[in-house]
Amino acid sequence: MSESTPKTNVTAKTIKKPTIKQVVPGISEDVIAELSREINSMLSFAVFNGIIVNTDVNALIQNSNVDDLINAHNLLCKNVAPATPKSIQFTKKLNQESDGKSIFRKLPLLRNLVLLAIFFLIAYVVSGMSPEVNNDSLDKGMMENSGIPLLLNIIYLSSVAGLGVLFFLLKEVSISLKKGSLIPENSIGYLSQIILGIIAGLIMSEIISFYTKDAEQINLFNKSILALVGGFSSDAIFSILQGIIDKIKSIFITPNSTTNV
């Protein structure tokens, strides 16, 4: 008796291959959605702050065409300037996360600047009370001073320059908050500006004062003013030095020496 082997019918199943999403060239949907969000955010900011908005924006928004959205975005950027969509979003986030917090807790940048201003003020008072900081020691400058008197003089002039740059930065933060142009990256730029301000104050008080004709005019008041001005206008000092370097480079580098590749 022969055993009959059962026949197995294998039904061929159609295996679906994964569909590859076609990449359509052009502006993505995420960018278009971001455009719409920024337009609404700028409109809300303009209405809340009483900023005059170009009425052409209304017709451009209603069509929802990409070209019209870009044109509406450009018009609104001009209307709300110096604020930007990024700064408006940052300011809105600060207001939403306040929850009764003080301005120093919800804005660490302002808190840090105030603490630095207090630090420089204490350093200014303490170093100024020292008998080593006087007209004679400041007249000698860094070249003829040494030891503790030199250190105290540098601390005194650096603290004056620091107060100058913080006076400028605190005013700038206040204006930026009113205009809604503050962004998170400002904290990094302000840190570098404080360092540049201290350096500029030392340059103004120690190097530029060497070129006065009468040595008796270099006193405590003049050097303090030069350090304060150097810290307050560090950007201007940098521009002046950069202009001097460019003039020197133009003497040695002529247009004919450049070769076109």
C-alpha atoms as a PDB file:
ATOM      1  CA  MET A   1       0.000   0.000   0.000  1.00  0.00           C
ATOM      2  CA  SER A   2       1.683   3.089  -1.140  1.00  0.00           C
ATOM      3  CA  GLU A   3       1.524   6.151   0.915  1.00  0.00           C
ATOM      4  CA  SER A   4       0.175   9.097  -0.958  1.00  0.00           C
ATOM      5  CA  THR A   5       2.112  12.209  -0.354  1.00  0.00           C
ATOM      6  CA  PRO A   6      -0.151  15.157   0.300  1.00  0.00           C
ATOM      7  CA  LYS A   7       0.080  17.764  -2.343  1.00  0.00           C
ATOM      8  CA  THR A   8       0.763  21.193  -1.021  1.00  0.00           C
ATOM      9  CA  ASN A   9      -0.387  24.054  -3.127  1.00  0.00           C
ATOM     10  CA  VAL A  10       1.904  26.995  -2.653  1.00  0.00           C
ATOM     11  CA  THR A  11       0.043  30.121  -3.466  1.00  0.00           C
ATOM     12  CA  ALA A  12       2.289  32.838  -4.638  1.00  0.00           C
ATOM     13  CA  LYS A  13       1.777  35.907  -2.534  1.00  0.00           C
ATOM     14  CA  THR A  14       2.482  39.231  -3.999  1.00  0.00           C
ATOM     15  CA  ILE A  15       5.163  40.940  -1.944  1.00  0.00           C
ATOM     16  CA  LYS A  16       4.752  44.660  -1.870  1.00  0.00           C
ATOM     17  CA  LYS A  17       7.943  46.503  -2.355  1.00  0.00           C
ATOM     18  CA  PRO A  18       8.466  49.571  -0.160  1.00  0.00           C
ATOM     19  CA  THR A  19       7.494  52.625  -2.047  1.00  0.00           C
ATOM     20  CA  ILE A  20      10.218  55.192  -2.330  1.00  0.00           C
ATOM     21  CA  LYS A  21       8.990  58.690  -1.622  1.00  0.00           C
ATOM     22  CA  GLN A  22       9.722  60.860  -4.564  1.00  0.00           C
ATOM     23  CA  VAL A  23      11.551  64.031  -3.766  1.00  0.00           C
ATOM     24  CA  VAL A  24       9.840  66.877  -5.496  1.00  0.00           C
ATOM     25  CA  PRO A  25      12.139  69.842  -6.089  1.00  0.00           C
ATOM     26  CA  GLY A  26      10.988  73.114  -4.604  1.00  0.00           C
ATOM     27  CA  ILE A  27      10.029  74.516  -1.222  1.00  0.00           C
ATOM     28  CA  SER A  28       9.052  71.864   1.327  1.00  0.00           C
ATOM     29  CA  GLU A  29       5.801  71.887   3.265  1.00  0.00           C
ATOM     30  CA  ASP A  30       7.702  72.488   6.505  1.00  0.00           C
ATOM     31  CA  VAL A  31       9.168  75.717   5.148  1.00  0.00           C
ATOM     32  CA  ILE A  32       5.752  76.897   3.964  1.00  0.00           C
ATOM     33  CA  ALA A  33       4.272  76.131   7.397  1.00  0.00           C
ATOM     34  CA  GLU A  34       7.144  78.023   9.037  1.00  0.00           C
ATOM     35  CA  LEU A  35       6.470  80.993   6.769  1.00  0.00           C
ATOM     36  CA  SER A  36       2.828  81.026   7.853  1.00  0.00           C
ATOM     37  CA  ARG A  37       3.736  80.818  11.538  1.00  0.00           C
ATOM     38  CA  GLU A  38       6.236  83.659  11.293  1.00  0.00           C
ATOM     39  CA  ILE A  39       3.778  85.829   9.368  1.00  0.00           C
ATOM     40  CA  ASN A  40       1.129  85.329  12.048  1.00  0.00           C
ATOM     41  CA  SER A  41       3.695  85.982  14.780  1.00  0.00           C
ATOM     42  CA  MET A  42       4.848  89.243  13.173  1.00  0.00           C
ATOM     43  CA  LEU A  43       1.247  90.356  12.605  1.00  0.00           C
ATOM     44  CA  SER A  44       0.417  89.710  16.250  1.00  0.00           C
ATOM     45  CA  PHE A  45       3.520  91.597  17.361  1.00  0.00           C
ATOM     46  CA  ALA A  46       2.716  94.566  15.114  1.00  0.00           C
ATOM     47  CA  VAL A  47      -0.900  94.800  16.279  1.00  0.00           C
ATOM     48  CA  PHE A  48       0.057  94.485  19.943  1.00  0.00           C
ATOM     49  CA  ASN A  49       2.736  97.205  19.721  1.00  0.00           C
ATOM     50  CA  GLY A  50       0.771  99.563  17.470  1.00  0.00           C
ATOM     51  CA  ILE A  51       3.097  99.196  14.489  1.00  0.00           C
ATOM     52  CA  ILE A  52       1.708 100.298  11.130  1.00  0.00           C
ATOM     53  CA  VAL A  53       1.391  97.300   8.799  1.00  0.00           C
ATOM     54  CA  ASN A  54       1.365  97.492   5.017  1.00  0.00           C
ATOM     55  CA  THR A  55      -2.182  96.629   3.882  1.00  0.00           C
ATOM     56  CA  ASP A  56      -0.838  94.748   0.857  1.00  0.00           C
ATOM     57  CA  VAL A  57      -0.053  91.917   3.254  1.00  0.00           C
ATOM     58  CA  ASN A  58      -3.738  91.012   3.555  1.00  0.00           C
ATOM     59  CA  ALA A  59      -4.184  90.185  -0.127  1.00  0.00           C
ATOM     60  CA  LEU A  60      -0.902  88.278  -0.235  1.00  0.00           C
ATOM     61  CA  ILE A  61      -1.791  86.074   2.727  1.00  0.00           C
ATOM     62  CA  GLN A  62      -5.276  85.135   1.465  1.00  0.00           C
ATOM     63  CA  ASN A  63      -3.942  83.508  -1.720  1.00  0.00           C
ATOM     64  CA  SER A  64      -1.624  81.143   0.227  1.00  0.00           C
ATOM     65  CA  ASN A  65       0.680  81.061  -2.777  1.00  0.00           C
ATOM     66  CA  VAL A  66       4.363  80.516  -1.965  1.00  0.00           C
ATOM     67  CA  ASP A  67       5.432  83.634  -3.838  1.00  0.00           C
ATOM     68  CA  ASP A  68       2.766  85.673  -2.071  1.00  0.00           C
ATOM     69  CA  LEU A  69       3.754  84.300   1.324  1.00  0.00           C
ATOM     70  CA  ILE A  70       7.388  85.217   0.723  1.00  0.00           C
ATOM     71  CA  ASN A  71       6.402  88.731  -0.350  1.00  0.00           C
ATOM     72  CA  ALA A  72       4.167  89.092   2.705  1.00  0.00           C
ATOM     73  CA  HIS A  73       7.002  87.878   4.935  1.00  0.00           C
ATOM     74  CA  ASN A  74       9.390  90.434   3.404  1.00  0.00           C
ATOM     75  CA  LEU A  75       6.907  93.273   3.906  1.00  0.00           C
ATOM     76  CA  LEU A  76       6.269  92.342   7.530  1.00  0.00           C
ATOM     77  CA  CYS A  77      10.004  92.084   8.255  1.00  0.00           C
ATOM     78  CA  LYS A  78      10.360  95.689   7.113  1.00  0.00           C
ATOM     79  CA  ASN A  79       7.374  96.776   9.212  1.00  0.00           C
ATOM     80  CA  VAL A  80       8.513  95.214  12.498  1.00  0.00           C
ATOM     81  CA  ALA A  81      12.250  95.999  12.112  1.00  0.00           C
ATOM     82  CA  PRO A  82      14.544  96.029  14.096  1.00  0.00           C
ATOM     83  CA  ALA A  83      12.614  93.082  15.516  1.00  0.00           C
ATOM     84  CA  THR A  84      12.883  89.791  13.643  1.00  0.00           C
ATOM     85  CA  PRO A  85      10.764  86.621  13.674  1.00  0.00           C
ATOM     86  CA  LYS A  86      13.419  84.981  15.852  1.00  0.00           C
ATOM     87  CA  SER A  87      13.513  87.818  18.389  1.00  0.00           C
ATOM     88  CA  ILE A  88       9.701  88.004  18.459  1.00  0.00           C
ATOM     89  CA  GLN A  89       9.491  84.290  19.207  1.00  0.00           C
ATOM     90  CA  PHE A  90      12.129  84.631  21.945  1.00  0.00           C
ATOM     91  CA  THR A  91      10.300  87.556  23.571  1.00  0.00           C
ATOM     92  CA  LYS A  92       7.003  85.676  23.391  1.00  0.00           C
ATOM     93  CA  LYS A  93       8.601  82.661  25.047  1.00  0.00           C
ATOM     94  CA  LEU A  94       9.941  84.841  27.853  1.00  0.00           C
ATOM     95  CA  ASN A  95       6.481  86.247  28.534  1.00  0.00           C
ATOM     96  CA  GLN A  96       4.829  82.821  28.453  1.00  0.00           C
ATOM     97  CA  GLU A  97       7.343  81.262  30.843  1.00  0.00           C
ATOM     98  CA  SER A  98       7.272  84.122  33.337  1.00  0.00           C
ATOM     99  CA  ASP A  99       4.677  82.638  35.747  1.00  0.00           C
ATOM    100  CA  GLY A 100       5.252  85.411  38.250  1.00  0.00           C
ATOM    101  CA  LYS A 101       9.042  85.188  37.982  1.00  0.00           C
ATOM    102  CA  SER A 102      11.135  88.307  38.331  1.00  0.00           C
ATOM    103  CA  ILE A 103      12.850  89.783  35.309  1.00  0.00           C
ATOM    104  CA  PHE A 104      16.219  88.499  36.595  1.00  0.00           C
ATOM    105  CA  ARG A 105      14.998  84.880  36.747  1.00  0.00           C
ATOM    106  CA  LYS A 106      13.310  84.778  33.372  1.00  0.00           C
ATOM    107  CA  LEU A 107      16.136  86.695  31.673  1.00  0.00           C
ATOM    108  CA  PRO A 108      19.518  85.405  32.927  1.00  0.00           C
ATOM    109  CA  LEU A 109      21.365  87.718  30.513  1.00  0.00           C
ATOM    110  CA  LEU A 110      20.158  90.821  32.341  1.00  0.00           C
ATOM    111  CA  ARG A 111      20.913  89.242  35.720  1.00  0.00           C
ATOM    112  CA  ASN A 112      24.475  88.381  34.700  1.00  0.00           C
ATOM    113  CA  LEU A 113      25.118  91.887  33.371  1.00  0.00           C
ATOM    114  CA  VAL A 114      23.867  93.460  36.599  1.00  0.00           C
ATOM    115  CA  LEU A 115      26.049  91.128  38.690  1.00  0.00           C
ATOM    116  CA  LEU A 116      29.071  92.001  36.560  1.00  0.00           C
ATOM    117  CA  ALA A 117      28.326  95.707  36.955  1.00  0.00           C
ATOM    118  CA  ILE A 118      28.219  95.279  40.756  1.00  0.00           C
ATOM    119  CA  PHE A 119      31.491  93.328  40.629  1.00  0.00           C
ATOM    120  CA  PHE A 120      33.275  96.040  38.630  1.00  0.00           C
ATOM    121  CA  LEU A 121      31.834  98.725  40.900  1.00  0.00           C
ATOM    122  CA  ILE A 122      33.206  96.965  43.997  1.00  0.00           C
ATOM    123  CA  ALA A 123      36.589  96.491  42.287  1.00  0.00           C
ATOM    124  CA  TYR A 124      36.597 100.195  41.364  1.00  0.00           C
ATOM    125  CA  VAL A 125      35.856 101.320  44.923  1.00  0.00           C
ATOM    126  CA  VAL A 126      38.287  98.913  46.602  1.00  0.00           C
ATOM    127  CA  SER A 127      41.176  99.623  44.225  1.00  0.00           C
ATOM    128  CA  GLY A 128      40.481 103.368  44.304  1.00  0.00           C
ATOM    129  CA  MET A 129      40.705 103.390  48.118  1.00  0.00           C
ATOM    130  CA  SER A 130      44.204 101.939  48.014  1.00  0.00           C
ATOM    131  CA  PRO A 131      47.035 104.442  48.598  1.00  0.00           C
ATOM    132  CA  GLU A 132      48.961 102.720  45.801  1.00  0.00           C
ATOM    133  CA  VAL A 133      46.473 104.110  43.242  1.00  0.00           C
ATOM    134  CA  ASN A 134      47.176 107.818  42.902  1.00  0.00           C
ATOM    135  CA  ASN A 135      48.201 110.404  40.370  1.00  0.00           C
ATOM    136  CA  ASP A 136      51.903 109.565  40.572  1.00  0.00           C
ATOM    137  CA  SER A 137      51.483 105.817  40.122  1.00  0.00           C
ATOM    138  CA  LEU A 138      49.071 106.274  37.221  1.00  0.00           C
ATOM    139  CA  ASP A 139      51.428 108.769  35.587  1.00  0.00           C
ATOM    140  CA  LYS A 140      54.151 106.112  35.547  1.00  0.00           C
ATOM    141  CA  GLY A 141      51.898 103.681  33.698  1.00  0.00           C
ATOM    142  CA  MET A 142      52.654 100.031  33.117  1.00  0.00           C
ATOM    143  CA  MET A 143      56.205 100.640  31.923  1.00  0.00           C
ATOM    144  CA  GLU A 144      57.604 102.103  35.142  1.00  0.00           C
ATOM    145  CA  ASN A 145      55.341 100.451  37.715  1.00  0.00           C
ATOM    146  CA  SER A 146      55.854  96.978  39.119  1.00  0.00           C
ATOM    147  CA  GLY A 147      54.557  94.648  41.799  1.00  0.00           C
ATOM    148  CA  ILE A 148      51.441  95.472  43.831  1.00  0.00           C
ATOM    149  CA  PRO A 149      51.105  99.094  42.607  1.00  0.00           C
ATOM    150  CA  LEU A 150      51.051  97.901  38.987  1.00  0.00           C
ATOM    151  CA  LEU A 151      48.446  95.238  39.787  1.00  0.00           C
ATOM    152  CA  LEU A 152      46.208  97.704  41.641  1.00  0.00           C
ATOM    153  CA  ASN A 153      46.461 100.262  38.836  1.00  0.00           C
ATOM    154  CA  ILE A 154      45.483  97.647  36.249  1.00  0.00           C
ATOM    155  CA  ILE A 155      42.548  96.537  38.427  1.00  0.00           C
ATOM    156  CA  TYR A 156      41.447 100.149  38.813  1.00  0.00           C
ATOM    157  CA  LEU A 157      41.595 100.965  35.092  1.00  0.00           C
ATOM    158  CA  SER A 158      40.045  97.612  34.107  1.00  0.00           C
ATOM    159  CA  SER A 159      37.149  98.147  36.504  1.00  0.00           C
ATOM    160  CA  VAL A 160      36.521 101.614  35.071  1.00  0.00           C
ATOM    161  CA  ALA A 161      36.585 100.179  31.534  1.00  0.00           C
ATOM    162  CA  GLY A 162      34.278  97.350  32.646  1.00  0.00           C
ATOM    163  CA  LEU A 163      31.803  99.841  34.085  1.00  0.00           C
ATOM    164  CA  GLY A 164      31.890 101.731  30.796  1.00  0.00           C
ATOM    165  CA  VAL A 165      31.118  98.702  28.630  1.00  0.00           C
ATOM    166  CA  LEU A 166      28.405  97.458  31.028  1.00  0.00           C
ATOM    167  CA  PHE A 167      26.832 100.910  31.053  1.00  0.00           C
ATOM    168  CA  PHE A 168      26.553 100.584  27.279  1.00  0.00           C
ATOM    169  CA  LEU A 169      25.337  96.961  27.301  1.00  0.00           C
ATOM    170  CA  LEU A 170      22.658  97.457  29.962  1.00  0.00           C
ATOM    171  CA  LYS A 171      21.286 100.373  27.966  1.00  0.00           C
ATOM    172  CA  GLU A 172      21.345  98.253  24.794  1.00  0.00           C
ATOM    173  CA  VAL A 173      19.506  95.360  26.490  1.00  0.00           C
ATOM    174  CA  SER A 174      16.858  97.770  27.747  1.00  0.00           C
ATOM    175  CA  ILE A 175      16.319  99.168  24.244  1.00  0.00           C
ATOM    176  CA  SER A 176      16.281  95.661  22.716  1.00  0.00           C
ATOM    177  CA  LEU A 177      13.592  94.545  25.165  1.00  0.00           C
ATOM    178  CA  LYS A 178      11.417  97.530  24.305  1.00  0.00           C
ATOM    179  CA  LYS A 179      11.815  96.976  20.561  1.00  0.00           C
ATOM    180  CA  GLY A 180      11.561  93.183  20.752  1.00  0.00           C
ATOM    181  CA  SER A 181      14.918  92.666  19.017  1.00  0.00           C
ATOM    182  CA  LEU A 182      16.612  90.582  21.712  1.00  0.00           C
ATOM    183  CA  ILE A 183      17.802  87.097  20.704  1.00  0.00           C
ATOM    184  CA  PRO A 184      19.509  84.322  22.745  1.00  0.00           C
ATOM    185  CA  GLU A 185      22.786  84.685  20.833  1.00  0.00           C
ATOM    186  CA  ASN A 186      23.244  88.173  22.300  1.00  0.00           C
ATOM    187  CA  SER A 187      24.647  86.655  25.494  1.00  0.00           C
ATOM    188  CA  ILE A 188      27.643  85.277  23.579  1.00  0.00           C
ATOM    189  CA  GLY A 189      28.239  88.558  21.769  1.00  0.00           C
ATOM    190  CA  TYR A 190      27.974  90.565  24.995  1.00  0.00           C
ATOM    191  CA  LEU A 191      30.608  88.411  26.702  1.00  0.00           C
ATOM    192  CA  SER A 192      33.116  89.078  23.934  1.00  0.00           C
ATOM    193  CA  GLN A 193      32.192  92.764  23.954  1.00  0.00           C
ATOM    194  CA  ILE A 194      32.943  93.007  27.689  1.00  0.00           C
ATOM    195  CA  ILE A 195      36.421  91.553  27.134  1.00  0.00           C
ATOM    196  CA  LEU A 196      36.993  93.865  24.172  1.00  0.00           C
ATOM    197  CA  GLY A 197      35.798  96.819  26.250  1.00  0.00           C
ATOM    198  CA  ILE A 198      38.302  96.142  29.028  1.00  0.00           C
ATOM    199  CA  ILE A 199      41.112  95.773  26.487  1.00  0.00           C
ATOM    200  CA  ALA A 200      40.042  98.971  24.718  1.00  0.00           C
ATOM    201  CA  GLY A 201      39.946 100.838  28.033  1.00  0.00           C
ATOM    202  CA  LEU A 202      43.487  99.773  28.857  1.00  0.00           C
ATOM    203  CA  ILE A 203      44.651 100.727  25.366  1.00  0.00           C
ATOM    204  CA  MET A 204      43.074 104.168  25.656  1.00  0.00           C
ATOM    205  CA  SER A 205      44.407 104.884  29.139  1.00  0.00           C
ATOM    206  CA  GLU A 206      47.880 103.389  28.850  1.00  0.00           C
ATOM    207  CA  ILE A 207      48.935 103.728  25.217  1.00  0.00           C
ATOM    208  CA  ILE A 208      47.146 106.790  23.873  1.00  0.00           C
ATOM    209  CA  SER A 209      47.953 108.835  26.983  1.00  0.00           C
ATOM    210  CA  PHE A 210      51.683 108.406  26.252  1.00  0.00           C
ATOM    211  CA  TYR A 211      51.304 110.836  23.367  1.00  0.00           C
ATOM    212  CA  THR A 212      50.147 113.829  25.413  1.00  0.00           C
ATOM    213  CA  LYS A 213      52.585 116.724  25.355  1.00  0.00           C
ATOM    214  CA  ASP A 214      52.460 117.670  29.026  1.00  0.00           C
ATOM    215  CA  ALA A 215      53.142 114.804  31.419  1.00  0.00           C
ATOM    216  CA  GLU A 216      51.355 116.628  34.236  1.00  0.00           C
ATOM    217  CA  GLN A 217      48.087 116.365  32.310  1.00  0.00           C
ATOM    218  CA  ILE A 218      48.142 112.580  32.707  1.00  0.00           C
ATOM    219  CA  ASN A 219      46.406 112.325  36.067  1.00  0.00           C
ATOM    220  CA  LEU A 220      43.803 110.207  37.787  1.00  0.00           C
ATOM    221  CA  PHE A 221      40.891 112.029  36.193  1.00  0.00           C
ATOM    222  CA  ASN A 222      42.224 111.876  32.615  1.00  0.00           C
ATOM    223  CA  LYS A 223      43.174 108.191  32.740  1.00  0.00           C
ATOM    224  CA  SER A 224      39.825 107.281  34.287  1.00  0.00           C
ATOM    225  CA  ILE A 225      37.983 109.127  31.534  1.00  0.00           C
ATOM    226  CA  LEU A 226      40.073 107.440  28.845  1.00  0.00           C
ATOM    227  CA  ALA A 227      39.402 103.994  30.342  1.00  0.00           C
ATOM    228  CA  LEU A 228      35.673 104.753  30.617  1.00  0.00           C
ATOM    229  CA  VAL A 229      35.480 106.007  27.036  1.00  0.00           C
ATOM    230  CA  GLY A 230      37.477 103.022  25.795  1.00  0.00           C
ATOM    231  CA  GLY A 231      35.120 100.572  27.489  1.00  0.00           C
ATOM    232  CA  PHE A 232      31.985 102.372  26.360  1.00  0.00           C
ATOM    233  CA  SER A 233      33.097 102.700  22.738  1.00  0.00           C
ATOM    234  CA  SER A 234      35.018  99.459  22.239  1.00  0.00           C
ATOM    235  CA  ASP A 235      33.460  99.011  18.791  1.00  0.00           C
ATOM    236  CA  ALA A 236      34.716 102.445  17.729  1.00  0.00           C
ATOM    237  CA  ILE A 237      38.232 101.714  19.032  1.00  0.00           C
ATOM    238  CA  PHE A 238      38.249  98.422  17.129  1.00  0.00           C
ATOM    239  CA  SER A 239      37.128 100.208  13.937  1.00  0.00           C
ATOM    240  CA  ILE A 240      39.863 102.840  14.347  1.00  0.00           C
ATOM    241  CA  LEU A 241      42.564 100.205  14.828  1.00  0.00           C
ATOM    242  CA  GLN A 242      41.218  98.193  11.900  1.00  0.00           C
ATOM    243  CA  GLY A 243      41.312 101.320   9.738  1.00  0.00           C
ATOM    244  CA  ILE A 244      44.947 101.948  10.717  1.00  0.00           C
ATOM    245  CA  ILE A 245      45.849  98.348   9.833  1.00  0.00           C
ATOM    246  CA  ASP A 246      44.086  98.662   6.478  1.00  0.00           C
ATOM    247  CA  LYS A 247      46.030 101.858   5.714  1.00  0.00           C
ATOM    248  CA  ILE A 248      49.310 100.156   6.531  1.00  0.00           C
ATOM    249  CA  LYS A 249      48.404  97.140   4.391  1.00  0.00           C
ATOM    250  CA  SER A 250      47.517  99.401   1.476  1.00  0.00           C
ATOM    251  CA  ILE A 251      51.057 100.822   1.524  1.00  0.00           C
ATOM    252  CA  PHE A 252      52.701  97.434   1.018  1.00  0.00           C
ATOM    253  CA  ILE A 253      49.977  95.676  -0.989  1.00  0.00           C
ATOM    254  CA  THR A 254      49.159  97.309  -4.314  1.00  0.00           C
ATOM    255  CA  PRO A 255      46.287  96.350  -6.615  1.00  0.00           C
ATOM    256  CA  ASN A 256      48.792  95.223  -9.258  1.00  0.00           C
ATOM    257  CA  SER A 257      50.213  92.575  -6.919  1.00  0.00           C
ATOM    258  CA  THR A 258      46.949  90.619  -6.875  1.00  0.00           C
ATOM    259  CA  THR A 259      46.710  87.943  -9.492  1.00  0.00           C
ATOM    260  CA  ASN A 260      43.492  86.736 -11.045  1.00  0.00           C
ATOM    261  CA  VAL A 261      43.089  82.999 -11.067  1.00  0.00           C
END
